[in-house]
């Protein structure tokens, strides 16, 4: 997904409107607006990154994952 975020920000910097960006990138208008808002709120210098998912981390061991993949 970072490629898509970079594309959104690049099109925003190039002066594209939200709907034009949606047509070029192929994701929802709400997602484009949210990433553009994150970019603006962070000062407009660095690419925003996705936040980690909430909740505890997985407790599954590597051995268990190997068994489950079979």
N, C-alpha and C. Protein backbone atom coordinates (compact mmCIF):
# COMPACT_ATOMS: atom_id res chain seq x y z
N UNK A 1 0.80 -1.21 0.00
CA UNK A 1 0.00 0.00 0.00
C UNK A 1 0.84 1.27 0.00
N UNK A 2 2.09 1.26 0.46
CA UNK A 2 2.85 2.51 0.43
C UNK A 2 2.99 3.11 -0.96
N UNK A 3 2.99 2.29 -1.99
CA UNK A 3 3.06 2.82 -3.35
C UNK A 3 1.82 3.66 -3.63
N UNK A 4 0.68 3.18 -3.21
CA UNK A 4 -0.57 3.92 -3.42
C UNK A 4 -0.55 5.23 -2.66
N UNK A 5 -0.05 5.23 -1.43
CA UNK A 5 0.03 6.47 -0.65
C UNK A 5 0.94 7.46 -1.35
N UNK A 6 2.07 6.98 -1.85
CA UNK A 6 3.00 7.85 -2.57
C UNK A 6 2.35 8.41 -3.83
N UNK A 7 1.58 7.58 -4.52
CA UNK A 7 0.88 8.05 -5.72
C UNK A 7 -0.13 9.14 -5.36
N UNK A 8 -0.89 8.92 -4.31
CA UNK A 8 -1.90 9.90 -3.88
C UNK A 8 -1.23 11.22 -3.57
N UNK A 9 -0.16 11.20 -2.79
CA UNK A 9 0.51 12.43 -2.40
C UNK A 9 1.16 13.09 -3.62
N UNK A 10 1.73 12.29 -4.51
CA UNK A 10 2.33 12.85 -5.72
C UNK A 10 1.32 13.55 -6.60
N UNK A 11 0.16 12.94 -6.76
CA UNK A 11 -0.90 13.57 -7.55
C UNK A 11 -1.44 14.82 -6.86
N UNK A 12 -1.52 14.78 -5.53
CA UNK A 12 -1.97 15.95 -4.77
C UNK A 12 -1.00 17.11 -4.98
N UNK A 13 0.31 16.82 -4.89
CA UNK A 13 1.31 17.86 -5.08
C UNK A 13 1.31 18.39 -6.50
N UNK A 14 0.92 17.54 -7.46
CA UNK A 14 0.88 17.95 -8.86
C UNK A 14 -0.37 18.78 -9.18
N UNK A 15 -1.27 18.91 -8.20
CA UNK A 15 -2.44 19.76 -8.40
C UNK A 15 -3.69 19.02 -8.85
N UNK A 16 -3.69 17.70 -8.78
CA UNK A 16 -4.87 16.94 -9.19
C UNK A 16 -5.97 17.10 -8.14
N UNK A 17 -7.20 17.09 -8.59
CA UNK A 17 -8.35 17.12 -7.71
C UNK A 17 -8.57 15.72 -7.14
N UNK A 18 -9.40 15.62 -6.10
CA UNK A 18 -9.64 14.34 -5.44
C UNK A 18 -10.22 13.31 -6.41
N UNK A 19 -11.19 13.69 -7.18
CA UNK A 19 -11.82 12.73 -8.10
C UNK A 19 -10.88 12.28 -9.20
N UNK A 20 -10.00 13.16 -9.64
CA UNK A 20 -9.00 12.77 -10.63
C UNK A 20 -8.02 11.77 -10.02
N UNK A 21 -7.67 12.00 -8.76
CA UNK A 21 -6.77 11.09 -8.07
C UNK A 21 -7.43 9.72 -7.90
N UNK A 22 -8.71 9.70 -7.54
CA UNK A 22 -9.46 8.45 -7.40
C UNK A 22 -9.44 7.67 -8.71
N UNK A 23 -9.65 8.36 -9.81
CA UNK A 23 -9.66 7.71 -11.12
C UNK A 23 -8.28 7.15 -11.47
N UNK A 24 -7.22 7.84 -11.11
CA UNK A 24 -5.86 7.40 -11.44
C UNK A 24 -5.38 6.26 -10.54
N UNK A 25 -5.71 6.32 -9.26
CA UNK A 25 -5.18 5.35 -8.31
C UNK A 25 -6.08 4.13 -8.18
N UNK A 26 -7.39 4.34 -8.23
CA UNK A 26 -8.32 3.22 -8.19
C UNK A 26 -8.74 2.79 -6.80
N UNK A 27 -8.73 3.72 -5.83
CA UNK A 27 -9.26 3.42 -4.51
C UNK A 27 -10.37 4.41 -4.21
N UNK A 28 -11.04 4.22 -3.08
CA UNK A 28 -12.22 5.03 -2.78
C UNK A 28 -11.86 6.49 -2.52
N UNK A 29 -12.84 7.35 -2.75
CA UNK A 29 -12.66 8.78 -2.53
C UNK A 29 -12.39 9.08 -1.06
N UNK A 30 -13.05 8.34 -0.19
CA UNK A 30 -12.84 8.54 1.25
C UNK A 30 -11.39 8.25 1.64
N UNK A 31 -10.82 7.17 1.09
CA UNK A 31 -9.43 6.83 1.39
C UNK A 31 -8.48 7.92 0.90
N UNK A 32 -8.74 8.42 -0.30
CA UNK A 32 -7.89 9.49 -0.84
C UNK A 32 -7.97 10.72 0.04
N UNK A 33 -9.17 11.09 0.44
CA UNK A 33 -9.34 12.26 1.30
C UNK A 33 -8.65 12.06 2.65
N UNK A 34 -8.75 10.85 3.22
CA UNK A 34 -8.12 10.58 4.51
C UNK A 34 -6.60 10.68 4.41
N UNK A 35 -5.99 10.12 3.36
CA UNK A 35 -4.53 10.17 3.21
C UNK A 35 -4.06 11.60 2.95
N UNK A 36 -4.85 12.36 2.17
CA UNK A 36 -4.48 13.76 1.93
C UNK A 36 -4.56 14.57 3.22
N UNK A 37 -5.57 14.27 4.04
CA UNK A 37 -5.71 14.97 5.32
C UNK A 37 -4.54 14.62 6.24
N UNK A 38 -4.16 13.35 6.29
CA UNK A 38 -2.99 12.94 7.12
C UNK A 38 -1.74 13.66 6.65
N UNK A 39 -1.57 13.77 5.34
CA UNK A 39 -0.40 14.44 4.79
C UNK A 39 -0.38 15.91 5.18
N UNK A 40 -1.53 16.58 5.08
CA UNK A 40 -1.62 17.99 5.43
C UNK A 40 -1.40 18.21 6.93
N UNK A 41 -1.99 17.32 7.75
CA UNK A 41 -1.89 17.46 9.21
C UNK A 41 -0.47 17.24 9.71
N UNK A 42 0.32 16.42 9.00
CA UNK A 42 1.70 16.15 9.41
C UNK A 42 2.67 17.22 8.93
N UNK A 43 2.18 18.25 8.30
CA UNK A 43 3.04 19.33 7.87
C UNK A 43 3.34 19.31 6.38
N UNK A 44 2.94 18.26 5.69
CA UNK A 44 3.13 18.20 4.26
C UNK A 44 4.55 17.95 3.79
N UNK A 45 5.37 17.31 4.62
CA UNK A 45 6.75 17.05 4.21
C UNK A 45 7.02 15.57 3.98
N UNK A 46 6.59 14.71 4.90
CA UNK A 46 6.84 13.27 4.78
C UNK A 46 5.56 12.54 4.42
N UNK A 47 5.74 11.35 3.84
CA UNK A 47 4.58 10.52 3.53
C UNK A 47 3.97 9.99 4.83
N UNK A 48 2.65 10.02 4.94
CA UNK A 48 2.03 9.43 6.13
C UNK A 48 2.15 7.91 6.06
N UNK A 49 2.17 7.27 7.19
CA UNK A 49 2.23 5.81 7.21
C UNK A 49 0.99 5.27 7.89
N UNK A 50 0.66 4.03 7.55
CA UNK A 50 -0.50 3.39 8.15
C UNK A 50 -0.23 3.13 9.62
N UNK A 51 -1.25 3.30 10.43
CA UNK A 51 -1.11 3.06 11.86
C UNK A 51 -1.17 1.55 12.12
N UNK A 52 -0.48 1.08 13.16
CA UNK A 52 -0.57 -0.35 13.49
C UNK A 52 -1.98 -0.72 13.93
N UNK A 53 -2.35 -1.95 13.68
CA UNK A 53 -3.68 -2.41 14.06
C UNK A 53 -3.80 -2.46 15.59
N UNK A 54 -4.94 -2.08 16.13
CA UNK A 54 -5.11 -2.10 17.58
C UNK A 54 -5.25 -3.53 18.09
N UNK A 55 -5.01 -3.69 19.36
CA UNK A 55 -5.19 -5.00 19.97
C UNK A 55 -3.87 -5.68 20.25
N UNK A 56 -3.94 -6.78 20.97
CA UNK A 56 -2.72 -7.49 21.32
C UNK A 56 -2.10 -8.16 20.10
N UNK A 57 -0.80 -8.41 20.20
CA UNK A 57 -0.12 -9.08 19.10
C UNK A 57 -0.48 -10.55 19.09
N UNK A 58 -0.20 -11.22 17.98
CA UNK A 58 -0.52 -12.64 17.85
C UNK A 58 0.35 -13.46 18.79
N UNK A 59 -0.23 -14.47 19.37
CA UNK A 59 0.48 -15.35 20.29
C UNK A 59 0.86 -16.68 19.64
N UNK A 60 0.67 -16.80 18.33
CA UNK A 60 0.94 -18.04 17.63
C UNK A 60 2.43 -18.19 17.38
N UNK A 61 2.96 -19.37 17.70
CA UNK A 61 4.38 -19.61 17.49
C UNK A 61 4.65 -20.00 16.04
N UNK A 62 5.91 -19.97 15.67
CA UNK A 62 6.31 -20.34 14.32
C UNK A 62 5.96 -21.80 14.05
N UNK A 63 6.15 -22.66 15.03
CA UNK A 63 5.83 -24.08 14.89
C UNK A 63 4.34 -24.28 14.62
N UNK A 64 3.50 -23.59 15.37
CA UNK A 64 2.06 -23.69 15.17
C UNK A 64 1.66 -23.20 13.79
N UNK A 65 2.25 -22.12 13.33
CA UNK A 65 1.95 -21.60 12.00
C UNK A 65 2.33 -22.61 10.93
N UNK A 66 3.44 -23.29 11.11
CA UNK A 66 3.86 -24.30 10.14
C UNK A 66 2.86 -25.43 10.08
N UNK A 67 2.37 -25.87 11.22
CA UNK A 67 1.37 -26.96 11.27
C UNK A 67 0.08 -26.50 10.61
N UNK A 68 -0.34 -25.26 10.87
CA UNK A 68 -1.58 -24.76 10.31
C UNK A 68 -1.53 -24.60 8.80
N UNK A 69 -0.35 -24.33 8.25
CA UNK A 69 -0.21 -24.14 6.81
C UNK A 69 -0.35 -25.44 6.03
N UNK A 70 -0.17 -26.58 6.71
CA UNK A 70 -0.26 -27.88 6.03
C UNK A 70 -1.62 -28.20 5.55
